[in-house]
N, C-alpha and C. Protein backbone atom coordinates (compact mmCIF):
# COMPACT_ATOMS: atom_id res chain seq x y z
N MET A 1 48.35 -97.00 18.56
CA MET A 1 47.13 -96.43 19.81
C MET A 1 45.67 -95.87 18.88
N GLU A 2 44.65 -96.63 19.66
CA GLU A 2 43.30 -96.48 19.22
C GLU A 2 43.03 -94.76 19.61
N HIS A 3 42.12 -94.20 18.25
CA HIS A 3 41.85 -92.72 18.27
C HIS A 3 40.24 -92.53 19.22
N HIS A 4 39.47 -92.45 20.24
CA HIS A 4 38.67 -92.42 20.01
C HIS A 4 37.99 -90.59 20.06
N PRO A 5 37.10 -90.20 19.60
CA PRO A 5 36.60 -88.83 19.38
C PRO A 5 35.81 -87.98 20.64
N GLN A 6 36.29 -86.86 20.58
CA GLN A 6 35.55 -86.33 21.93
C GLN A 6 34.43 -86.57 22.29
N ILE A 7 33.79 -86.78 23.39
CA ILE A 7 32.27 -86.88 22.76
C ILE A 7 31.67 -85.62 23.82
N GLU A 8 31.15 -84.61 22.65
CA GLU A 8 29.77 -83.30 23.53
C GLU A 8 29.26 -83.87 24.44
N ARG A 9 29.03 -83.34 25.77
CA ARG A 9 28.89 -83.10 26.61
C ARG A 9 28.83 -81.51 27.11
N PRO A 10 27.17 -80.91 27.19
CA PRO A 10 26.32 -80.07 27.19
C PRO A 10 26.30 -79.30 28.91
N TYR A 11 26.32 -80.64 29.69
CA TYR A 11 26.09 -80.61 30.89
C TYR A 11 27.47 -79.52 31.04
N CYS A 12 28.83 -79.88 31.19
CA CYS A 12 30.08 -79.50 31.18
C CYS A 12 30.88 -79.75 30.19
N ARG A 13 32.27 -78.36 30.90
CA ARG A 13 33.18 -78.61 29.25
C ARG A 13 34.59 -78.80 29.78
N ASP A 14 34.54 -80.24 30.85
CA ASP A 14 35.09 -80.80 30.83
C ASP A 14 35.95 -80.88 29.78
N VAL A 15 37.29 -80.99 29.47
CA VAL A 15 38.16 -82.20 28.65
C VAL A 15 37.95 -84.04 29.33
N LEU A 16 37.16 -85.09 28.84
CA LEU A 16 38.19 -86.11 29.65
C LEU A 16 39.82 -86.69 29.44
N ALA A 17 40.22 -87.28 29.71
CA ALA A 17 41.60 -87.67 29.38
C ALA A 17 41.67 -89.27 28.53
N PRO A 18 42.19 -89.24 27.75
CA PRO A 18 42.03 -90.85 26.04
C PRO A 18 41.51 -91.38 27.01
N ASP A 19 42.15 -92.31 28.05
CA ASP A 19 41.81 -93.12 28.96
C ASP A 19 40.77 -92.73 29.77
N GLN A 20 40.22 -91.78 30.17
CA GLN A 20 38.71 -91.48 31.22
C GLN A 20 37.77 -92.29 30.62
N GLN A 21 36.60 -92.59 31.58
CA GLN A 21 35.30 -93.20 30.80
C GLN A 21 34.12 -92.16 31.17
N LEU A 22 33.30 -91.52 30.20
CA LEU A 22 32.59 -90.72 30.63
C LEU A 22 31.86 -90.84 31.60
N GLU A 23 31.31 -91.56 32.15
CA GLU A 23 30.49 -92.38 33.48
C GLU A 23 31.50 -92.30 34.83
N THR A 24 32.97 -92.90 33.89
CA THR A 24 33.28 -92.38 35.57
C THR A 24 33.31 -90.95 35.72
N HIS A 25 33.59 -90.04 34.54
CA HIS A 25 33.67 -88.49 34.92
C HIS A 25 32.29 -88.38 35.78
N LEU A 26 31.61 -88.32 34.99
CA LEU A 26 30.08 -87.65 35.18
C LEU A 26 30.02 -88.31 37.31
N ILE A 27 30.08 -89.07 37.52
CA ILE A 27 29.72 -90.24 38.65
C ILE A 27 31.62 -88.96 39.67
N GLY A 28 32.47 -89.40 39.11
CA GLY A 28 32.96 -88.76 40.33
C GLY A 28 33.23 -87.16 40.64
N ASP A 29 32.89 -86.92 38.93
CA ASP A 29 33.17 -85.02 39.61
C ASP A 29 31.99 -84.68 39.72
N HIS A 30 30.88 -85.13 39.12
CA HIS A 30 29.66 -84.39 39.54
C HIS A 30 28.18 -85.34 40.77
N THR A 31 27.70 -84.05 41.33
CA THR A 31 26.61 -84.74 42.71
C THR A 31 25.23 -85.15 41.89
N SER A 32 24.54 -86.20 42.68
CA SER A 32 23.69 -86.78 41.79
C SER A 32 22.61 -85.89 41.48
N GLN A 33 22.62 -84.70 42.50
CA GLN A 33 21.57 -83.77 42.23
C GLN A 33 21.32 -83.25 41.34
N GLU A 34 23.32 -82.37 40.36
CA GLU A 34 23.66 -82.26 39.30
C GLU A 34 22.60 -82.48 39.16
N LEU A 35 23.64 -83.77 38.41
CA LEU A 35 23.07 -84.54 37.38
C LEU A 35 21.52 -84.21 37.52
N VAL A 36 20.49 -85.19 38.06
CA VAL A 36 19.45 -85.19 38.09
C VAL A 36 18.61 -83.26 37.67
N GLU A 37 19.14 -82.52 38.19
CA GLU A 37 18.90 -81.47 37.99
C GLU A 37 19.12 -81.02 35.92
N TYR A 38 20.26 -81.18 35.90
CA TYR A 38 20.18 -80.76 34.69
C TYR A 38 19.40 -81.96 33.97
N ILE A 39 19.19 -83.08 33.32
CA ILE A 39 18.24 -83.98 33.01
C ILE A 39 17.03 -83.05 32.89
N ALA A 40 16.38 -82.59 34.38
CA ALA A 40 15.24 -82.15 34.67
C ALA A 40 14.93 -81.26 33.80
N SER A 41 15.81 -80.30 33.55
CA SER A 41 16.08 -79.53 33.30
C SER A 41 15.96 -79.83 31.28
N GLU A 42 16.61 -80.63 30.48
CA GLU A 42 16.27 -80.67 29.52
C GLU A 42 15.44 -81.30 28.71
N TYR A 43 14.80 -81.91 30.22
CA TYR A 43 13.70 -82.59 30.35
C TYR A 43 12.17 -81.40 29.37
N LYS A 44 11.66 -80.65 30.73
CA LYS A 44 12.34 -80.08 30.61
C LYS A 44 11.51 -78.37 29.24
N VAL A 45 11.98 -78.46 28.76
CA VAL A 45 12.82 -77.57 27.72
C VAL A 45 12.12 -78.54 26.51
N GLY A 46 12.03 -79.55 25.98
CA GLY A 46 11.87 -80.81 25.66
C GLY A 46 13.05 -81.02 24.09
N ASN A 47 14.29 -81.21 24.87
CA ASN A 47 15.62 -81.75 24.37
C ASN A 47 15.21 -83.38 24.88
N LEU A 48 14.28 -84.00 26.10
CA LEU A 48 14.90 -85.19 26.49
C LEU A 48 13.37 -85.59 26.12
N GLU A 49 12.58 -87.06 25.47
CA GLU A 49 11.90 -87.39 25.33
C GLU A 49 11.34 -88.71 26.85
N ALA A 50 10.97 -88.70 27.56
CA ALA A 50 9.91 -90.02 28.26
C ALA A 50 10.54 -91.25 27.48
N THR A 51 11.30 -92.31 28.31
CA THR A 51 10.51 -93.69 27.75
C THR A 51 9.74 -94.18 28.59
N PRO A 52 9.21 -94.93 27.12
CA PRO A 52 8.22 -96.03 27.70
C PRO A 52 8.78 -96.82 28.61
N GLU A 53 7.75 -97.23 30.20
CA GLU A 53 7.97 -98.38 30.57
C GLU A 53 8.32 -99.49 30.37
């Protein structure tokens, strides 16, 4: 069986099952509002950059 390293997710510290996808976890376990607030706060403190359109 192939081993995949754990993905660092500063938003939450849940450990994903080896067969669970990050996108499935985020969509299934977090509300859209939670994710938007996290992304906005990271952008505000300079941890994220805007992407050109």
